[in-house]
Amino acid sequence: MTELTRQRCEACRADAPQVTGEELEALRREVPEWSVETRDGVAQLERRFDFPDFAQALAFTNRVGEIAEAEGHHPKLTTEWGSVVVTWWSHKIGGLHRNDFVMAARTDAL
């Protein structure tokens, strides 16, 4: 369990700062299997999880949904036969916030 998994998400305002520079690199070391993808100018954390069948992929999707709902911070979830792609970013600020790394670490812990 990493330090990030023990942290709670903080309320994110539209004027909250995005992670930048050294903070981004330090946080990425905490969730090394996640990549930073940029779509339409918005940085997002993304990871693919593989499963032997659809039922297990769907069960994982539901567990991610439960932790997301508990924190009020919701990812994009793409569930297919044998895989789930989880994408975290903070919609209000149009990029990455520390909350996204907290939730990525919690997703890893599942």
PDB file of N, CA and C in Angstrom:
ATOM      1  N   MET A   1       0.848  -1.178   0.000  1.00  0.00           N
ATOM      2  CA  MET A   1       0.000   0.000   0.000  1.00  0.00           C
ATOM      3  C   MET A   1       0.895   1.244   0.000  1.00  0.00           C
ATOM      4  N   THR A   2       0.661   2.123  -0.929  1.00  0.00           N
ATOM      5  CA  THR A   2       1.462   3.336  -1.011  1.00  0.00           C
ATOM      6  C   THR A   2       0.834   4.439  -0.174  1.00  0.00           C
ATOM      7  N   GLU A   3       1.595   5.491   0.022  1.00  0.00           N
ATOM      8  CA  GLU A   3       1.096   6.656   0.749  1.00  0.00           C
ATOM      9  C   GLU A   3      -0.152   7.222   0.065  1.00  0.00           C
ATOM     10  N   LEU A   4      -0.174   7.190  -1.256  1.00  0.00           N
ATOM     11  CA  LEU A   4      -1.322   7.727  -1.984  1.00  0.00           C
ATOM     12  C   LEU A   4      -2.619   6.989  -1.664  1.00  0.00           C
ATOM     13  N   THR A   5      -2.565   5.681  -1.461  1.00  0.00           N
ATOM     14  CA  THR A   5      -3.798   4.928  -1.212  1.00  0.00           C
ATOM     15  C   THR A   5      -4.433   5.303   0.117  1.00  0.00           C
ATOM     16  N   ARG A   6      -3.658   5.868   1.028  1.00  0.00           N
ATOM     17  CA  ARG A   6      -4.187   6.262   2.337  1.00  0.00           C
ATOM     18  C   ARG A   6      -4.753   7.678   2.326  1.00  0.00           C
ATOM     19  N   GLN A   7      -4.519   8.414   1.253  1.00  0.00           N
ATOM     20  CA  GLN A   7      -4.994   9.795   1.195  1.00  0.00           C
ATOM     21  C   GLN A   7      -6.424   9.849   0.679  1.00  0.00           C
ATOM     22  N   ARG A   8      -7.101  10.923   1.038  1.00  0.00           N
ATOM     23  CA  ARG A   8      -8.458  11.163   0.559  1.00  0.00           C
ATOM     24  C   ARG A   8      -8.400  12.222  -0.526  1.00  0.00           C
ATOM     25  N   CYS A   9      -9.358  12.182  -1.406  1.00  0.00           N
ATOM     26  CA  CYS A   9      -9.460  13.226  -2.423  1.00  0.00           C
ATOM     27  C   CYS A   9      -9.926  14.508  -1.748  1.00  0.00           C
ATOM     28  N   GLU A  10      -9.375  15.610  -2.194  1.00  0.00           N
ATOM     29  CA  GLU A  10      -9.830  16.900  -1.688  1.00  0.00           C
ATOM     30  C   GLU A  10     -10.795  17.498  -2.690  1.00  0.00           C
ATOM     31  N   ALA A  11     -11.682  18.331  -2.207  1.00  0.00           N
ATOM     32  CA  ALA A  11     -12.635  18.981  -3.108  1.00  0.00           C
ATOM     33  C   ALA A  11     -11.860  19.774  -4.147  1.00  0.00           C
ATOM     34  N   CYS A  12     -12.218  19.585  -5.387  1.00  0.00           N
ATOM     35  CA  CYS A  12     -11.497  20.225  -6.482  1.00  0.00           C
ATOM     36  C   CYS A  12     -12.355  21.357  -7.056  1.00  0.00           C
ATOM     37  N   ARG A  13     -11.794  22.546  -7.033  1.00  0.00           N
ATOM     38  CA  ARG A  13     -12.479  23.725  -7.574  1.00  0.00           C
ATOM     39  C   ARG A  13     -11.972  23.989  -8.990  1.00  0.00           C
ATOM     40  N   ALA A  14     -12.711  24.756  -9.735  1.00  0.00           N
ATOM     41  CA  ALA A  14     -12.326  25.076 -11.106  1.00  0.00           C
ATOM     42  C   ALA A  14     -11.012  25.838 -11.170  1.00  0.00           C
ATOM     43  N   ASP A  15     -10.637  26.514 -10.073  1.00  0.00           N
ATOM     44  CA  ASP A  15      -9.374  27.254 -10.072  1.00  0.00           C
ATOM     45  C   ASP A  15      -8.243  26.490  -9.376  1.00  0.00           C
ATOM     46  N   ALA A  16      -8.457  25.214  -9.072  1.00  0.00           N
ATOM     47  CA  ALA A  16      -7.411  24.401  -8.443  1.00  0.00           C
ATOM     48  C   ALA A  16      -6.258  24.222  -9.423  1.00  0.00           C
ATOM     49  N   PRO A  17      -5.041  24.176  -8.910  1.00  0.00           N
ATOM     50  CA  PRO A  17      -3.896  24.025  -9.807  1.00  0.00           C
ATOM     51  C   PRO A  17      -3.746  22.581 -10.297  1.00  0.00           C
ATOM     52  N   GLN A  18      -3.336  22.452 -11.548  1.00  0.00           N
ATOM     53  CA  GLN A  18      -2.976  21.147 -12.078  1.00  0.00           C
ATOM     54  C   GLN A  18      -1.593  20.784 -11.554  1.00  0.00           C
ATOM     55  N   VAL A  19      -1.300  19.478 -11.465  1.00  0.00           N
ATOM     56  CA  VAL A  19       0.055  19.072 -11.090  1.00  0.00           C
ATOM     57  C   VAL A  19       0.996  19.435 -12.229  1.00  0.00           C
ATOM     58  N   THR A  20       2.177  19.868 -11.865  1.00  0.00           N
ATOM     59  CA  THR A  20       3.157  20.247 -12.868  1.00  0.00           C
ATOM     60  C   THR A  20       4.548  19.817 -12.436  1.00  0.00           C
ATOM     61  N   GLY A  21       5.458  19.787 -13.368  1.00  0.00           N
ATOM     62  CA  GLY A  21       6.887  19.613 -13.109  1.00  0.00           C
ATOM     63  C   GLY A  21       7.257  18.506 -12.157  1.00  0.00           C
ATOM     64  N   GLU A  22       7.963  18.863 -11.096  1.00  0.00           N
ATOM     65  CA  GLU A  22       8.485  17.891 -10.148  1.00  0.00           C
ATOM     66  C   GLU A  22       7.376  17.088  -9.476  1.00  0.00           C
ATOM     67  N   GLU A  23       6.275  17.748  -9.162  1.00  0.00           N
ATOM     68  CA  GLU A  23       5.165  17.042  -8.515  1.00  0.00           C
ATOM     69  C   GLU A  23       4.631  15.945  -9.431  1.00  0.00           C
ATOM     70  N   LEU A  24       4.486  16.239 -10.710  1.00  0.00           N
ATOM     71  CA  LEU A  24       4.005  15.254 -11.672  1.00  0.00           C
ATOM     72  C   LEU A  24       4.940  14.052 -11.719  1.00  0.00           C
ATOM     73  N   GLU A  25       6.230  14.302 -11.806  1.00  0.00           N
ATOM     74  CA  GLU A  25       7.195  13.196 -11.876  1.00  0.00           C
ATOM     75  C   GLU A  25       7.212  12.374 -10.592  1.00  0.00           C
ATOM     76  N   ALA A  26       7.120  13.033  -9.445  1.00  0.00           N
ATOM     77  CA  ALA A  26       7.084  12.309  -8.164  1.00  0.00           C
ATOM     78  C   ALA A  26       5.834  11.448  -8.066  1.00  0.00           C
ATOM     79  N   LEU A  27       4.700  11.985  -8.464  1.00  0.00           N
ATOM     80  CA  LEU A  27       3.454  11.223  -8.400  1.00  0.00           C
ATOM     81  C   LEU A  27       3.459  10.065  -9.394  1.00  0.00           C
ATOM     82  N   ARG A  28       4.041  10.261 -10.554  1.00  0.00           N
ATOM     83  CA  ARG A  28       4.111   9.179 -11.549  1.00  0.00           C
ATOM     84  C   ARG A  28       4.927   8.001 -11.016  1.00  0.00           C
ATOM     85  N   ARG A  29       5.928   8.275 -10.206  1.00  0.00           N
ATOM     86  CA  ARG A  29       6.724   7.177  -9.614  1.00  0.00           C
ATOM     87  C   ARG A  29       5.877   6.341  -8.660  1.00  0.00           C
ATOM     88  N   GLU A  30       4.837   6.946  -8.089  1.00  0.00           N
ATOM     89  CA  GLU A  30       3.949   6.223  -7.174  1.00  0.00           C
ATOM     90  C   GLU A  30       3.006   5.270  -7.908  1.00  0.00           C
ATOM     91  N   VAL A  31       2.731   5.551  -9.176  1.00  0.00           N
ATOM     92  CA  VAL A  31       1.827   4.719  -9.986  1.00  0.00           C
ATOM     93  C   VAL A  31       2.500   4.427 -11.334  1.00  0.00           C
ATOM     94  N   PRO A  32       3.594   3.659 -11.300  1.00  0.00           N
ATOM     95  CA  PRO A  32       4.449   3.503 -12.490  1.00  0.00           C
ATOM     96  C   PRO A  32       3.795   2.811 -13.681  1.00  0.00           C
ATOM     97  N   GLU A  33       2.737   2.064 -13.473  1.00  0.00           N
ATOM     98  CA  GLU A  33       2.112   1.354 -14.594  1.00  0.00           C
ATOM     99  C   GLU A  33       1.084   2.208 -15.336  1.00  0.00           C
ATOM    100  N   TRP A  34       0.878   3.417 -14.876  1.00  0.00           N
ATOM    101  CA  TRP A  34      -0.066   4.338 -15.512  1.00  0.00           C
ATOM    102  C   TRP A  34       0.688   5.231 -16.480  1.00  0.00           C
ATOM    103  N   SER A  35       0.065   5.530 -17.595  1.00  0.00           N
ATOM    104  CA  SER A  35       0.674   6.449 -18.553  1.00  0.00           C
ATOM    105  C   SER A  35      -0.100   7.764 -18.544  1.00  0.00           C
ATOM    106  N   VAL A  36       0.589   8.827 -18.920  1.00  0.00           N
ATOM    107  CA  VAL A  36      -0.067  10.119 -19.086  1.00  0.00           C
ATOM    108  C   VAL A  36      -0.362  10.276 -20.566  1.00  0.00           C
ATOM    109  N   GLU A  37      -1.640  10.369 -20.887  1.00  0.00           N
ATOM    110  CA  GLU A  37      -2.098  10.544 -22.267  1.00  0.00           C
ATOM    111  C   GLU A  37      -2.714  11.927 -22.384  1.00  0.00           C
ATOM    112  N   THR A  38      -2.508  12.580 -23.495  1.00  0.00           N
ATOM    113  CA  THR A  38      -3.117  13.893 -23.728  1.00  0.00           C
ATOM    114  C   THR A  38      -4.130  13.767 -24.852  1.00  0.00           C
ATOM    115  N   ARG A  39      -5.368  14.118 -24.542  1.00  0.00           N
ATOM    116  CA  ARG A  39      -6.459  14.088 -25.513  1.00  0.00           C
ATOM    117  C   ARG A  39      -7.112  15.459 -25.547  1.00  0.00           C
ATOM    118  N   ASP A  40      -7.202  16.015 -26.715  1.00  0.00           N
ATOM    119  CA  ASP A  40      -7.792  17.346 -26.873  1.00  0.00           C
ATOM    120  C   ASP A  40      -7.174  18.358 -25.912  1.00  0.00           C
ATOM    121  N   GLY A  41      -5.860  18.239 -25.708  1.00  0.00           N
ATOM    122  CA  GLY A  41      -5.142  19.162 -24.845  1.00  0.00           C
ATOM    123  C   GLY A  41      -5.287  18.901 -23.361  1.00  0.00           C
ATOM    124  N   VAL A  42      -5.923  17.781 -22.984  1.00  0.00           N
ATOM    125  CA  VAL A  42      -6.169  17.466 -21.573  1.00  0.00           C
ATOM    126  C   VAL A  42      -5.336  16.252 -21.171  1.00  0.00           C
ATOM    127  N   ALA A  43      -4.451  16.440 -20.188  1.00  0.00           N
ATOM    128  CA  ALA A  43      -3.640  15.336 -19.673  1.00  0.00           C
ATOM    129  C   ALA A  43      -4.517  14.422 -18.825  1.00  0.00           C
ATOM    130  N   GLN A  44      -4.342  13.104 -19.037  1.00  0.00           N
ATOM    131  CA  GLN A  44      -5.135  12.101 -18.333  1.00  0.00           C
ATOM    132  C   GLN A  44      -4.237  10.926 -17.952  1.00  0.00           C
ATOM    133  N   LEU A  45      -4.535  10.296 -16.826  1.00  0.00           N
ATOM    134  CA  LEU A  45      -3.845   9.075 -16.409  1.00  0.00           C
ATOM    135  C   LEU A  45      -4.621   7.885 -16.934  1.00  0.00           C
ATOM    136  N   GLU A  46      -3.905   6.910 -17.495  1.00  0.00           N
ATOM    137  CA  GLU A  46      -4.614   5.778 -18.085  1.00  0.00           C
ATOM    138  C   GLU A  46      -3.841   4.478 -17.859  1.00  0.00           C
ATOM    139  N   ARG A  47      -4.607   3.421 -17.616  1.00  0.00           N
ATOM    140  CA  ARG A  47      -4.021   2.088 -17.474  1.00  0.00           C
ATOM    141  C   ARG A  47      -5.020   1.036 -17.940  1.00  0.00           C
ATOM    142  N   ARG A  48      -4.492   0.019 -18.597  1.00  0.00           N
ATOM    143  CA  ARG A  48      -5.298  -1.128 -19.028  1.00  0.00           C
ATOM    144  C   ARG A  48      -5.060  -2.276 -18.049  1.00  0.00           C
ATOM    145  N   PHE A  49      -6.140  -2.887 -17.606  1.00  0.00           N
ATOM    146  CA  PHE A  49      -6.103  -4.053 -16.731  1.00  0.00           C
ATOM    147  C   PHE A  49      -6.658  -5.229 -17.519  1.00  0.00           C
ATOM    148  N   ASP A  50      -5.945  -6.353 -17.525  1.00  0.00           N
ATOM    149  CA  ASP A  50      -6.372  -7.532 -18.283  1.00  0.00           C
ATOM    150  C   ASP A  50      -6.953  -8.592 -17.362  1.00  0.00           C
ATOM    151  N   PHE A  51      -7.970  -9.301 -17.875  1.00  0.00           N
ATOM    152  CA  PHE A  51      -8.684 -10.327 -17.133  1.00  0.00           C
ATOM    153  C   PHE A  51      -8.934 -11.524 -18.045  1.00  0.00           C
ATOM    154  N   PRO A  52      -9.162 -12.701 -17.478  1.00  0.00           N
ATOM    155  CA  PRO A  52      -9.366 -13.880 -18.315  1.00  0.00           C
ATOM    156  C   PRO A  52     -10.735 -13.960 -18.990  1.00  0.00           C
ATOM    157  N   ASP A  53     -11.677 -13.106 -18.554  1.00  0.00           N
ATOM    158  CA  ASP A  53     -13.004 -13.159 -19.160  1.00  0.00           C
ATOM    159  C   ASP A  53     -13.769 -11.859 -18.880  1.00  0.00           C
ATOM    160  N   PHE A  54     -14.952 -11.772 -19.450  1.00  0.00           N
ATOM    161  CA  PHE A  54     -15.757 -10.569 -19.303  1.00  0.00           C
ATOM    162  C   PHE A  54     -16.282 -10.408 -17.876  1.00  0.00           C
ATOM    163  N   ALA A  55     -16.681 -11.501 -17.250  1.00  0.00           N
ATOM    164  CA  ALA A  55     -17.265 -11.416 -15.908  1.00  0.00           C
ATOM    165  C   ALA A  55     -16.288 -10.787 -14.917  1.00  0.00           C
ATOM    166  N   GLN A  56     -15.021 -11.178 -14.982  1.00  0.00           N
ATOM    167  CA  GLN A  56     -14.032 -10.604 -14.062  1.00  0.00           C
ATOM    168  C   GLN A  56     -13.723  -9.147 -14.406  1.00  0.00           C
ATOM    169  N   ALA A  57     -13.722  -8.817 -15.684  1.00  0.00           N
ATOM    170  CA  ALA A  57     -13.528  -7.426 -16.097  1.00  0.00           C
ATOM    171  C   ALA A  57     -14.672  -6.561 -15.583  1.00  0.00           C
ATOM    172  N   LEU A  58     -15.881  -7.062 -15.701  1.00  0.00           N
ATOM    173  CA  LEU A  58     -17.048  -6.317 -15.231  1.00  0.00           C
ATOM    174  C   LEU A  58     -17.028  -6.162 -13.710  1.00  0.00           C
ATOM    175  N   ALA A  59     -16.634  -7.203 -12.998  1.00  0.00           N
ATOM    176  CA  ALA A  59     -16.550  -7.119 -11.531  1.00  0.00           C
ATOM    177  C   ALA A  59     -15.535  -6.052 -11.117  1.00  0.00           C
ATOM    178  N   PHE A  60     -14.411  -6.002 -11.808  1.00  0.00           N
ATOM    179  CA  PHE A  60     -13.403  -4.973 -11.530  1.00  0.00           C
ATOM    180  C   PHE A  60     -13.968  -3.583 -11.820  1.00  0.00           C
ATOM    181  N   THR A  61     -14.648  -3.441 -12.940  1.00  0.00           N
ATOM    182  CA  THR A  61     -15.268  -2.164 -13.291  1.00  0.00           C
ATOM    183  C   THR A  61     -16.187  -1.702 -12.159  1.00  0.00           C
ATOM    184  N   ASN A  62     -16.984  -2.603 -11.629  1.00  0.00           N
ATOM    185  CA  ASN A  62     -17.899  -2.256 -10.540  1.00  0.00           C
ATOM    186  C   ASN A  62     -17.155  -1.855  -9.272  1.00  0.00           C
ATOM    187  N   ARG A  63     -16.026  -2.511  -8.974  1.00  0.00           N
ATOM    188  CA  ARG A  63     -15.231  -2.140  -7.791  1.00  0.00           C
ATOM    189  C   ARG A  63     -14.626  -0.743  -7.965  1.00  0.00           C
ATOM    190  N   VAL A  64     -14.148  -0.449  -9.172  1.00  0.00           N
ATOM    191  CA  VAL A  64     -13.625   0.893  -9.434  1.00  0.00           C
ATOM    192  C   VAL A  64     -14.756   1.910  -9.275  1.00  0.00           C
ATOM    193  N   GLY A  65     -15.924   1.581  -9.776  1.00  0.00           N
ATOM    194  CA  GLY A  65     -17.076   2.462  -9.633  1.00  0.00           C
ATOM    195  C   GLY A  65     -17.421   2.739  -8.184  1.00  0.00           C
ATOM    196  N   GLU A  66     -17.297   1.734  -7.339  1.00  0.00           N
ATOM    197  CA  GLU A  66     -17.597   1.900  -5.912  1.00  0.00           C
ATOM    198  C   GLU A  66     -16.625   2.864  -5.242  1.00  0.00           C
ATOM    199  N   ILE A  67     -15.323   2.732  -5.524  1.00  0.00           N
ATOM    200  CA  ILE A  67     -14.370   3.648  -4.886  1.00  0.00           C
ATOM    201  C   ILE A  67     -14.517   5.059  -5.456  1.00  0.00           C
ATOM    202  N   ALA A  68     -14.876   5.138  -6.726  1.00  0.00           N
ATOM    203  CA  ALA A  68     -15.088   6.448  -7.352  1.00  0.00           C
ATOM    204  C   ALA A  68     -16.276   7.152  -6.710  1.00  0.00           C
ATOM    205  N   GLU A  69     -17.344   6.443  -6.535  1.00  0.00           N
ATOM    206  CA  GLU A  69     -18.551   7.023  -5.948  1.00  0.00           C
ATOM    207  C   GLU A  69     -18.304   7.444  -4.499  1.00  0.00           C
ATOM    208  N   ALA A  70     -17.529   6.647  -3.767  1.00  0.00           N
ATOM    209  CA  ALA A  70     -17.229   6.973  -2.374  1.00  0.00           C
ATOM    210  C   ALA A  70     -16.451   8.278  -2.248  1.00  0.00           C
ATOM    211  N   GLU A  71     -15.619   8.593  -3.228  1.00  0.00           N
ATOM    212  CA  GLU A  71     -14.817   9.822  -3.199  1.00  0.00           C
ATOM    213  C   GLU A  71     -15.435  10.959  -4.000  1.00  0.00           C
ATOM    214  N   GLY A  72     -16.466  10.668  -4.771  1.00  0.00           N
ATOM    215  CA  GLY A  72     -17.059  11.705  -5.602  1.00  0.00           C
ATOM    216  C   GLY A  72     -16.142  12.129  -6.740  1.00  0.00           C
ATOM    217  N   HIS A  73     -15.302  11.215  -7.179  1.00  0.00           N
ATOM    218  CA  HIS A  73     -14.347  11.481  -8.260  1.00  0.00           C
ATOM    219  C   HIS A  73     -14.442  10.307  -9.226  1.00  0.00           C
ATOM    220  N   HIS A  74     -14.834  10.567 -10.460  1.00  0.00           N
ATOM    221  CA  HIS A  74     -15.242   9.494 -11.363  1.00  0.00           C
ATOM    222  C   HIS A  74     -14.372   9.410 -12.609  1.00  0.00           C
ATOM    223  N   PRO A  75     -13.946   8.194 -12.967  1.00  0.00           N
ATOM    224  CA  PRO A  75     -13.100   7.997 -14.139  1.00  0.00           C
ATOM    225  C   PRO A  75     -13.923   7.659 -15.378  1.00  0.00           C
ATOM    226  N   LYS A  76     -13.237   7.596 -16.475  1.00  0.00           N
ATOM    227  CA  LYS A  76     -13.795   6.977 -17.672  1.00  0.00           C
ATOM    228  C   LYS A  76     -13.427   5.498 -17.557  1.00  0.00           C
ATOM    229  N   LEU A  77     -14.399   4.634 -17.739  1.00  0.00           N
ATOM    230  CA  LEU A  77     -14.184   3.191 -17.673  1.00  0.00           C
ATOM    231  C   LEU A  77     -14.619   2.567 -18.992  1.00  0.00           C
ATOM    232  N   THR A  78     -13.706   1.859 -19.629  1.00  0.00           N
ATOM    233  CA  THR A  78     -14.030   1.152 -20.858  1.00  0.00           C
ATOM    234  C   THR A  78     -13.864  -0.334 -20.581  1.00  0.00           C
ATOM    235  N   THR A  79     -14.980  -1.043 -20.551  1.00  0.00           N
ATOM    236  CA  THR A  79     -14.980  -2.465 -20.223  1.00  0.00           C
ATOM    237  C   THR A  79     -15.249  -3.274 -21.479  1.00  0.00           C
ATOM    238  N   GLU A  80     -14.364  -4.220 -21.757  1.00  0.00           N
ATOM    239  CA  GLU A  80     -14.503  -5.122 -22.895  1.00  0.00           C
ATOM    240  C   GLU A  80     -14.243  -6.538 -22.403  1.00  0.00           C
ATOM    241  N   TRP A  81     -14.458  -7.486 -23.281  1.00  0.00           N
ATOM    242  CA  TRP A  81     -14.130  -8.853 -22.924  1.00  0.00           C
ATOM    243  C   TRP A  81     -12.644  -8.911 -22.603  1.00  0.00           C
ATOM    244  N   GLY A  82     -12.319  -9.265 -21.373  1.00  0.00           N
ATOM    245  CA  GLY A  82     -10.933  -9.488 -20.977  1.00  0.00           C
ATOM    246  C   GLY A  82     -10.126  -8.263 -20.615  1.00  0.00           C
ATOM    247  N   SER A  83     -10.711  -7.074 -20.619  1.00  0.00           N
ATOM    248  CA  SER A  83      -9.916  -5.903 -20.239  1.00  0.00           C
ATOM    249  C   SER A  83     -10.801  -4.740 -19.788  1.00  0.00           C
ATOM    250  N   VAL A  84     -10.171  -3.888 -18.985  1.00  0.00           N
ATOM    251  CA  VAL A  84     -10.788  -2.638 -18.555  1.00  0.00           C
ATOM    252  C   VAL A  84      -9.723  -1.552 -18.688  1.00  0.00           C
ATOM    253  N   VAL A  85     -10.075  -0.476 -19.351  1.00  0.00           N
ATOM    254  CA  VAL A  85      -9.191   0.688 -19.413  1.00  0.00           C
ATOM    255  C   VAL A  85      -9.785   1.742 -18.481  1.00  0.00           C
ATOM    256  N   VAL A  86      -8.965   2.177 -17.516  1.00  0.00           N
ATOM    257  CA  VAL A  86      -9.385   3.177 -16.542  1.00  0.00           C
ATOM    258  C   VAL A  86      -8.635   4.469 -16.851  1.00  0.00           C
ATOM    259  N   THR A  87      -9.378   5.559 -16.951  1.00  0.00           N
ATOM    260  CA  THR A  87      -8.786   6.862 -17.249  1.00  0.00           C
ATOM    261  C   THR A  87      -9.248   7.877 -16.206  1.00  0.00           C
ATOM    262  N   TRP A  88      -8.277   8.450 -15.499  1.00  0.00           N
ATOM    263  CA  TRP A  88      -8.560   9.452 -14.466  1.00  0.00           C
ATOM    264  C   TRP A  88      -8.065  10.811 -14.918  1.00  0.00           C
ATOM    265  N   TRP A  89      -8.867  11.844 -14.715  1.00  0.00           N
ATOM    266  CA  TRP A  89      -8.462  13.242 -14.848  1.00  0.00           C
ATOM    267  C   TRP A  89      -9.519  14.076 -14.160  1.00  0.00           C
ATOM    268  N   SER A  90      -9.173  15.300 -13.875  1.00  0.00           N
ATOM    269  CA  SER A  90     -10.101  16.188 -13.171  1.00  0.00           C
ATOM    270  C   SER A  90     -10.788  17.099 -14.177  1.00  0.00           C
ATOM    271  N   HIS A  91     -12.052  16.835 -14.391  1.00  0.00           N
ATOM    272  CA  HIS A  91     -12.830  17.554 -15.388  1.00  0.00           C
ATOM    273  C   HIS A  91     -12.871  19.055 -15.119  1.00  0.00           C
ATOM    274  N   LYS A  92     -13.026  19.429 -13.841  1.00  0.00           N
ATOM    275  CA  LYS A  92     -13.175  20.850 -13.495  1.00  0.00           C
ATOM    276  C   LYS A  92     -11.966  21.688 -13.891  1.00  0.00           C
ATOM    277  N   ILE A  93     -10.775  21.083 -13.845  1.00  0.00           N
ATOM    278  CA  ILE A  93      -9.571  21.853 -14.160  1.00  0.00           C
ATOM    279  C   ILE A  93      -8.997  21.484 -15.522  1.00  0.00           C
ATOM    280  N   GLY A  94      -9.616  20.546 -16.191  1.00  0.00           N
ATOM    281  CA  GLY A  94      -9.165  20.172 -17.523  1.00  0.00           C
ATOM    282  C   GLY A  94      -7.768  19.592 -17.549  1.00  0.00           C
ATOM    283  N   GLY A  95      -7.458  18.746 -16.568  1.00  0.00           N
ATOM    284  CA  GLY A  95      -6.134  18.133 -16.510  1.00  0.00           C
ATOM    285  C   GLY A  95      -5.966  17.289 -15.263  1.00  0.00           C
ATOM    286  N   LEU A  96      -4.712  17.098 -14.878  1.00  0.00           N
ATOM    287  CA  LEU A  96      -4.400  16.224 -13.755  1.00  0.00           C
ATOM    288  C   LEU A  96      -4.252  16.994 -12.448  1.00  0.00           C
ATOM    289  N   HIS A  97      -4.852  16.439 -11.409  1.00  0.00           N
ATOM    290  CA  HIS A  97      -4.786  16.940 -10.043  1.00  0.00           C
ATOM    291  C   HIS A  97      -4.259  15.793  -9.185  1.00  0.00           C
ATOM    292  N   ARG A  98      -3.780  16.099  -8.015  1.00  0.00           N
ATOM    293  CA  ARG A  98      -3.291  15.050  -7.105  1.00  0.00           C
ATOM    294  C   ARG A  98      -4.360  13.971  -6.880  1.00  0.00           C
ATOM    295  N   ASN A  99      -5.638  14.374  -6.866  1.00  0.00           N
ATOM    296  CA  ASN A  99      -6.725  13.409  -6.683  1.00  0.00           C
ATOM    297  C   ASN A  99      -6.651  12.266  -7.696  1.00  0.00           C
ATOM    298  N   ASP A 100      -6.259  12.564  -8.919  1.00  0.00           N
ATOM    299  CA  ASP A 100      -6.208  11.537  -9.957  1.00  0.00           C
ATOM    300  C   ASP A 100      -5.168  10.475  -9.625  1.00  0.00           C
ATOM    301  N   PHE A 101      -4.069  10.885  -9.044  1.00  0.00           N
ATOM    302  CA  PHE A 101      -3.025   9.942  -8.656  1.00  0.00           C
ATOM    303  C   PHE A 101      -3.446   9.132  -7.432  1.00  0.00           C
ATOM    304  N   VAL A 102      -4.167   9.778  -6.506  1.00  0.00           N
ATOM    305  CA  VAL A 102      -4.720   9.055  -5.353  1.00  0.00           C
ATOM    306  C   VAL A 102      -5.648   7.945  -5.854  1.00  0.00           C
ATOM    307  N   MET A 103      -6.520   8.285  -6.788  1.00  0.00           N
ATOM    308  CA  MET A 103      -7.476   7.296  -7.281  1.00  0.00           C
ATOM    309  C   MET A 103      -6.798   6.232  -8.147  1.00  0.00           C
ATOM    310  N   ALA A 104      -5.757   6.584  -8.873  1.00  0.00           N
ATOM    311  CA  ALA A 104      -5.007   5.582  -9.637  1.00  0.00           C
ATOM    312  C   ALA A 104      -4.363   4.582  -8.672  1.00  0.00           C
ATOM    313  N   ALA A 105      -3.787   5.073  -7.598  1.00  0.00           N
ATOM    314  CA  ALA A 105      -3.174   4.179  -6.600  1.00  0.00           C
ATOM    315  C   ALA A 105      -4.224   3.278  -5.952  1.00  0.00           C
ATOM    316  N   ARG A 106      -5.379   3.826  -5.667  1.00  0.00           N
ATOM    317  CA  ARG A 106      -6.458   3.015  -5.091  1.00  0.00           C
ATOM    318  C   ARG A 106      -6.969   1.978  -6.105  1.00  0.00           C
ATOM    319  N   THR A 107      -6.991   2.355  -7.368  1.00  0.00           N
ATOM    320  CA  THR A 107      -7.390   1.397  -8.410  1.00  0.00           C
ATOM    321  C   THR A 107      -6.388   0.254  -8.456  1.00  0.00           C
ATOM    322  N   ASP A 108      -5.113   0.575  -8.389  1.00  0.00           N
ATOM    323  CA  ASP A 108      -4.068  -0.463  -8.364  1.00  0.00           C
ATOM    324  C   ASP A 108      -4.254  -1.405  -7.179  1.00  0.00           C
ATOM    325  N   ALA A 109      -4.671  -0.855  -6.043  1.00  0.00           N
ATOM    326  CA  ALA A 109      -4.823  -1.662  -4.818  1.00  0.00           C
ATOM    327  C   ALA A 109      -5.966  -2.667  -4.916  1.00  0.00           C
ATOM    328  N   LEU A 110      -6.908  -2.413  -5.856  1.00  0.00           N
ATOM    329  CA  LEU A 110      -8.025  -3.362  -6.019  1.00  0.00           C
ATOM    330  C   LEU A 110      -7.513  -4.690  -6.536  1.00  0.00           C
TER     331      LEU A 110
END
